[in-house]
Amino acid sequence: MPSSRQLAQRYAAASRKKKRVTPRRVSAPAPGESPAEAAAVEAAEERTVITPAPPEPRVSAATVRSQRARPVVRRTFADYREEYRYVARDLRRVALVAGGLLVVLLVLHFALGIG
């Protein structure tokens, strides 16, 4: 089964292959112009070769990101200290719970005589 990336690539390739057909426009002859002259003008237009415009240069995402990048404002350690004050208390609490569980396991190990 193809991955979603492969499926997306397949759909993208299929959409690039589709040619968009534009309906032909039939114009009425201009006032004072005979139908034969109008047919000659249309025939000349059909023979005109339209060259496609050259593709625009590809721009990578990194280039776009670097153009939009704003200057980074560096914060000092003291700024973060106030914002993350709760972390030290949470770490202390986690250490107490882990230590308590370890003591309980050791007591059970020796009390039950396993090992």
N, C-alpha and C. Protein backbone atom coordinates (compact mmCIF):
# COMPACT_ATOMS: atom_id res chain seq x y z
N MET A 1 0.85 -1.17 0.00
CA MET A 1 0.00 0.00 0.00
C MET A 1 0.90 1.24 0.00
N PRO A 2 0.66 2.19 -0.90
CA PRO A 2 1.52 3.37 -0.96
C PRO A 2 1.30 4.26 0.26
N SER A 3 2.39 4.91 0.67
CA SER A 3 2.29 5.83 1.80
C SER A 3 1.56 7.08 1.34
N SER A 4 1.18 7.89 2.29
CA SER A 4 0.44 9.11 1.94
C SER A 4 1.31 10.06 1.13
N ARG A 5 2.62 10.04 1.39
CA ARG A 5 3.52 10.89 0.61
C ARG A 5 3.58 10.44 -0.84
N GLN A 6 3.69 9.11 -1.04
CA GLN A 6 3.72 8.59 -2.40
C GLN A 6 2.42 8.87 -3.12
N LEU A 7 1.31 8.75 -2.42
CA LEU A 7 0.01 9.02 -3.00
C LEU A 7 -0.11 10.49 -3.39
N ALA A 8 0.37 11.37 -2.53
CA ALA A 8 0.33 12.80 -2.84
C ALA A 8 1.18 13.12 -4.05
N GLN A 9 2.35 12.48 -4.15
CA GLN A 9 3.21 12.71 -5.30
C GLN A 9 2.56 12.22 -6.58
N ARG A 10 1.85 11.09 -6.50
CA ARG A 10 1.17 10.56 -7.66
C ARG A 10 0.07 11.51 -8.13
N TYR A 11 -0.71 12.03 -7.17
CA TYR A 11 -1.76 12.98 -7.52
C TYR A 11 -1.18 14.26 -8.12
N ALA A 12 -0.07 14.72 -7.57
CA ALA A 12 0.56 15.94 -8.08
C ALA A 12 1.04 15.73 -9.51
N ALA A 13 1.64 14.58 -9.77
CA ALA A 13 2.13 14.29 -11.12
C ALA A 13 0.96 14.20 -12.10
N ALA A 14 -0.14 13.61 -11.66
CA ALA A 14 -1.30 13.48 -12.55
C ALA A 14 -1.91 14.84 -12.85
N SER A 15 -1.92 15.73 -11.87
CA SER A 15 -2.52 17.05 -12.11
C SER A 15 -1.64 17.89 -13.03
N ARG A 16 -0.31 17.65 -13.00
CA ARG A 16 0.56 18.39 -13.90
C ARG A 16 0.38 17.94 -15.35
N LYS A 17 -0.02 16.68 -15.55
CA LYS A 17 -0.18 16.15 -16.89
C LYS A 17 -1.44 16.65 -17.57
N LYS A 18 -2.43 17.01 -16.79
CA LYS A 18 -3.70 17.45 -17.39
C LYS A 18 -3.49 18.75 -18.14
N LYS A 19 -4.03 18.78 -19.32
CA LYS A 19 -3.95 20.01 -20.11
C LYS A 19 -5.29 20.71 -20.02
N ARG A 20 -5.24 21.95 -19.74
CA ARG A 20 -6.48 22.72 -19.65
C ARG A 20 -6.83 23.22 -21.04
N VAL A 21 -7.97 22.82 -21.51
CA VAL A 21 -8.42 23.20 -22.84
C VAL A 21 -9.33 24.41 -22.71
N THR A 22 -8.98 25.45 -23.42
CA THR A 22 -9.83 26.64 -23.41
C THR A 22 -10.71 26.60 -24.66
N PRO A 23 -11.95 26.96 -24.49
CA PRO A 23 -12.84 26.93 -25.66
C PRO A 23 -12.41 27.98 -26.68
N ARG A 24 -12.60 27.63 -27.96
CA ARG A 24 -12.27 28.57 -29.03
C ARG A 24 -13.30 29.67 -29.07
N ARG A 25 -12.82 30.83 -29.27
CA ARG A 25 -13.72 31.97 -29.37
C ARG A 25 -13.92 32.30 -30.84
N VAL A 26 -15.12 32.32 -31.23
CA VAL A 26 -15.43 32.67 -32.61
C VAL A 26 -15.93 34.10 -32.59
N SER A 27 -15.21 34.94 -33.28
CA SER A 27 -15.60 36.35 -33.26
C SER A 27 -16.40 36.68 -34.52
N ALA A 28 -17.29 37.58 -34.32
CA ALA A 28 -18.10 38.05 -35.45
C ALA A 28 -17.25 39.02 -36.26
N PRO A 29 -17.49 39.09 -37.54
CA PRO A 29 -16.70 40.03 -38.35
C PRO A 29 -16.96 41.47 -37.90
N ALA A 30 -15.92 42.26 -37.93
CA ALA A 30 -16.05 43.67 -37.54
C ALA A 30 -16.92 44.38 -38.56
N PRO A 31 -17.57 45.45 -38.14
CA PRO A 31 -18.40 46.19 -39.10
C PRO A 31 -17.57 46.65 -40.29
N GLY A 32 -18.07 46.43 -41.45
CA GLY A 32 -17.38 46.82 -42.67
C GLY A 32 -16.38 45.77 -43.15
N GLU A 33 -16.37 44.58 -42.50
CA GLU A 33 -15.43 43.53 -42.88
C GLU A 33 -16.24 42.36 -43.45
N SER A 34 -15.77 41.81 -44.54
CA SER A 34 -16.50 40.72 -45.15
C SER A 34 -16.21 39.42 -44.41
N PRO A 35 -17.10 38.44 -44.48
CA PRO A 35 -16.85 37.14 -43.82
C PRO A 35 -15.59 36.46 -44.32
N ALA A 36 -15.23 36.66 -45.57
CA ALA A 36 -14.02 36.05 -46.11
C ALA A 36 -12.78 36.64 -45.43
N GLU A 37 -12.80 37.98 -45.22
CA GLU A 37 -11.66 38.62 -44.55
C GLU A 37 -11.57 38.14 -43.10
N ALA A 38 -12.72 37.97 -42.44
CA ALA A 38 -12.73 37.49 -41.05
C ALA A 38 -12.17 36.07 -40.98
N ALA A 39 -12.50 35.22 -41.96
CA ALA A 39 -11.99 33.86 -41.99
C ALA A 39 -10.47 33.87 -42.20
N ALA A 40 -9.99 34.78 -43.03
CA ALA A 40 -8.56 34.87 -43.29
C ALA A 40 -7.81 35.31 -42.02
N VAL A 41 -8.40 36.24 -41.27
CA VAL A 41 -7.77 36.71 -40.03
C VAL A 41 -7.73 35.58 -39.01
N GLU A 42 -8.84 34.80 -38.90
CA GLU A 42 -8.87 33.68 -37.95
C GLU A 42 -7.85 32.61 -38.35
N ALA A 43 -7.71 32.35 -39.64
CA ALA A 43 -6.75 31.36 -40.10
C ALA A 43 -5.33 31.82 -39.78
N ALA A 44 -5.06 33.11 -39.92
CA ALA A 44 -3.73 33.64 -39.60
C ALA A 44 -3.47 33.53 -38.10
N GLU A 45 -4.52 33.75 -37.29
CA GLU A 45 -4.36 33.65 -35.84
C GLU A 45 -4.07 32.21 -35.43
N GLU A 46 -4.68 31.23 -36.11
CA GLU A 46 -4.45 29.83 -35.79
C GLU A 46 -3.02 29.42 -36.11
N ARG A 47 -2.44 30.02 -37.14
CA ARG A 47 -1.08 29.69 -37.53
C ARG A 47 -0.04 30.35 -36.63
N THR A 48 -0.44 31.34 -35.89
CA THR A 48 0.50 32.04 -35.02
C THR A 48 0.93 31.10 -33.90
N VAL A 49 2.21 30.97 -33.72
CA VAL A 49 2.74 30.11 -32.68
C VAL A 49 2.93 30.94 -31.41
N ILE A 50 2.32 30.47 -30.36
CA ILE A 50 2.45 31.17 -29.08
C ILE A 50 3.47 30.42 -28.25
N THR A 51 4.53 31.10 -27.92
CA THR A 51 5.56 30.45 -27.10
C THR A 51 5.24 30.68 -25.63
N PRO A 52 5.36 29.63 -24.84
CA PRO A 52 5.07 29.81 -23.42
C PRO A 52 6.12 30.68 -22.74
N ALA A 53 5.71 31.37 -21.72
CA ALA A 53 6.64 32.22 -20.98
C ALA A 53 7.65 31.34 -20.27
N PRO A 54 8.88 31.81 -20.16
CA PRO A 54 9.88 30.99 -19.46
C PRO A 54 9.48 30.83 -17.99
N PRO A 55 9.77 29.68 -17.43
CA PRO A 55 9.37 29.46 -16.03
C PRO A 55 10.13 30.40 -15.10
N GLU A 56 9.45 30.79 -14.04
CA GLU A 56 10.09 31.67 -13.08
C GLU A 56 11.12 30.86 -12.29
N PRO A 57 12.18 31.50 -11.87
CA PRO A 57 13.19 30.75 -11.12
C PRO A 57 12.59 30.23 -9.82
N ARG A 58 12.99 29.00 -9.46
CA ARG A 58 12.46 28.39 -8.23
C ARG A 58 13.12 29.04 -7.03
N VAL A 59 12.30 29.27 -6.04
CA VAL A 59 12.80 29.85 -4.80
C VAL A 59 12.61 28.80 -3.72
N SER A 60 13.67 28.47 -3.04
CA SER A 60 13.57 27.43 -2.01
C SER A 60 12.87 27.99 -0.77
N ALA A 61 12.34 27.09 0.04
CA ALA A 61 11.65 27.49 1.26
C ALA A 61 12.62 28.17 2.22
N ALA A 62 13.87 27.74 2.22
CA ALA A 62 14.86 28.35 3.12
C ALA A 62 15.09 29.81 2.75
N THR A 63 15.09 30.11 1.44
CA THR A 63 15.27 31.49 1.01
C THR A 63 14.10 32.34 1.46
N VAL A 64 12.90 31.81 1.30
CA VAL A 64 11.72 32.57 1.70
C VAL A 64 11.74 32.80 3.20
N ARG A 65 12.11 31.75 3.97
CA ARG A 65 12.16 31.89 5.42
C ARG A 65 13.20 32.91 5.83
N SER A 66 14.34 32.91 5.14
CA SER A 66 15.40 33.84 5.53
C SER A 66 15.01 35.27 5.19
N GLN A 67 14.20 35.47 4.16
CA GLN A 67 13.78 36.82 3.82
C GLN A 67 12.77 37.35 4.83
N ARG A 68 11.94 36.45 5.38
CA ARG A 68 10.92 36.87 6.31
C ARG A 68 11.40 36.84 7.76
N ALA A 69 12.60 36.35 8.00
CA ALA A 69 13.07 36.17 9.37
C ALA A 69 13.23 37.52 10.06
N ARG A 70 12.75 37.57 11.28
CA ARG A 70 12.90 38.78 12.09
C ARG A 70 14.12 38.61 12.97
N PRO A 71 14.70 39.70 13.40
CA PRO A 71 15.84 39.56 14.30
C PRO A 71 15.40 38.91 15.61
N VAL A 72 16.24 38.02 16.11
CA VAL A 72 15.92 37.28 17.33
C VAL A 72 16.35 38.10 18.53
N VAL A 73 15.42 38.27 19.46
CA VAL A 73 15.74 38.99 20.68
C VAL A 73 16.17 37.97 21.72
N ARG A 74 17.41 38.06 22.17
CA ARG A 74 17.95 37.12 23.15
C ARG A 74 17.54 37.57 24.55
N ARG A 75 17.00 36.59 25.30
CA ARG A 75 16.62 36.87 26.68
C ARG A 75 17.70 36.38 27.62
N THR A 76 17.85 37.04 28.74
CA THR A 76 18.86 36.63 29.70
C THR A 76 18.32 35.50 30.56
N PHE A 77 19.22 34.84 31.29
CA PHE A 77 18.84 33.74 32.16
C PHE A 77 17.88 34.23 33.25
N ALA A 78 18.09 35.43 33.74
CA ALA A 78 17.24 35.98 34.80
C ALA A 78 15.79 36.12 34.33
N ASP A 79 15.59 36.41 33.05
CA ASP A 79 14.22 36.51 32.51
C ASP A 79 13.52 35.16 32.58
N TYR A 80 14.25 34.10 32.27
CA TYR A 80 13.67 32.77 32.30
C TYR A 80 13.46 32.27 33.73
N ARG A 81 14.29 32.70 34.65
CA ARG A 81 14.20 32.25 36.03
C ARG A 81 12.83 32.55 36.61
N GLU A 82 12.32 33.73 36.34
CA GLU A 82 11.00 34.10 36.86
C GLU A 82 9.89 33.29 36.21
N GLU A 83 10.06 33.03 34.93
CA GLU A 83 9.01 32.34 34.18
C GLU A 83 8.91 30.86 34.54
N TYR A 84 10.04 30.22 34.88
CA TYR A 84 10.06 28.79 35.15
C TYR A 84 10.39 28.46 36.60
N ARG A 85 9.93 29.28 37.50
CA ARG A 85 10.19 29.08 38.92
C ARG A 85 9.57 27.78 39.42
N TYR A 86 8.45 27.38 38.89
CA TYR A 86 7.72 26.20 39.34
C TYR A 86 8.46 24.90 39.04
N VAL A 87 9.40 24.90 38.14
CA VAL A 87 10.07 23.68 37.70
C VAL A 87 10.86 23.05 38.85
N ALA A 88 11.56 23.84 39.64
CA ALA A 88 12.36 23.29 40.74
C ALA A 88 11.46 22.57 41.75
N ARG A 89 10.30 23.14 42.07
CA ARG A 89 9.38 22.48 43.00
C ARG A 89 8.86 21.18 42.42
N ASP A 90 8.53 21.18 41.12
CA ASP A 90 8.02 19.96 40.49
C ASP A 90 9.09 18.87 40.47
N LEU A 91 10.33 19.22 40.20
CA LEU A 91 11.40 18.23 40.19
C LEU A 91 11.63 17.65 41.58
N ARG A 92 11.55 18.49 42.61
CA ARG A 92 11.69 18.00 43.98
C ARG A 92 10.59 17.01 44.31
N ARG A 93 9.36 17.33 43.90
CA ARG A 93 8.22 16.45 44.16
C ARG A 93 8.38 15.11 43.43
N VAL A 94 8.84 15.13 42.20
CA VAL A 94 9.05 13.90 41.44
C VAL A 94 10.13 13.05 42.10
N ALA A 95 11.22 13.68 42.56
CA ALA A 95 12.30 12.95 43.22
C ALA A 95 11.81 12.30 44.51
N LEU A 96 10.95 13.00 45.28
CA LEU A 96 10.41 12.43 46.51
C LEU A 96 9.54 11.21 46.23
N VAL A 97 8.69 11.29 45.23
CA VAL A 97 7.80 10.17 44.90
C VAL A 97 8.64 8.98 44.41
N ALA A 98 9.61 9.22 43.54
CA ALA A 98 10.44 8.13 43.02
C ALA A 98 11.24 7.49 44.15
N GLY A 99 11.82 8.30 45.04
CA GLY A 99 12.58 7.77 46.18
C GLY A 99 11.70 6.95 47.11
N GLY A 100 10.47 7.45 47.38
CA GLY A 100 9.54 6.72 48.24
C GLY A 100 9.17 5.37 47.66
N LEU A 101 8.89 5.33 46.37
CA LEU A 101 8.55 4.06 45.72
C LEU A 101 9.74 3.08 45.75
N LEU A 102 10.93 3.59 45.58
CA LEU A 102 12.11 2.74 45.63
C LEU A 102 12.29 2.13 47.02
N VAL A 103 12.08 2.93 48.07
CA VAL A 103 12.17 2.42 49.45
C VAL A 103 11.12 1.35 49.69
N VAL A 104 9.88 1.59 49.21
CA VAL A 104 8.80 0.60 49.39
C VAL A 104 9.18 -0.71 48.70
N LEU A 105 9.74 -0.64 47.51
CA LEU A 105 10.14 -1.85 46.79
C LEU A 105 11.24 -2.60 47.53
N LEU A 106 12.20 -1.88 48.07
CA LEU A 106 13.27 -2.54 48.82
C LEU A 106 12.74 -3.21 50.08
N VAL A 107 11.84 -2.55 50.79
CA VAL A 107 11.25 -3.14 52.01
C VAL A 107 10.47 -4.40 51.65
N LEU A 108 9.66 -4.34 50.58
CA LEU A 108 8.90 -5.52 50.17
C LEU A 108 9.83 -6.66 49.74
N HIS A 109 10.91 -6.31 49.08
CA HIS A 109 11.85 -7.32 48.62
C HIS A 109 12.42 -8.11 49.81
N PHE A 110 12.86 -7.41 50.83
CA PHE A 110 13.46 -8.09 51.98
C PHE A 110 12.41 -8.72 52.89
N ALA A 111 11.22 -8.08 52.97
CA ALA A 111 10.19 -8.62 53.87
C ALA A 111 9.61 -9.92 53.33
N LEU A 112 9.44 -9.99 52.02
CA LEU A 112 8.86 -11.20 51.44
C LEU A 112 9.92 -12.27 51.19
N GLY A 113 11.19 -11.92 51.28
CA GLY A 113 12.28 -12.88 51.12
C GLY A 113 12.44 -13.36 49.70
N ILE A 114 12.14 -12.50 48.76
CA ILE A 114 12.32 -12.89 47.34
C ILE A 114 13.78 -12.63 46.98
N GLY A 115 14.46 -13.64 46.58
CA GLY A 115 15.81 -13.44 46.12
C GLY A 115 16.81 -13.94 47.00
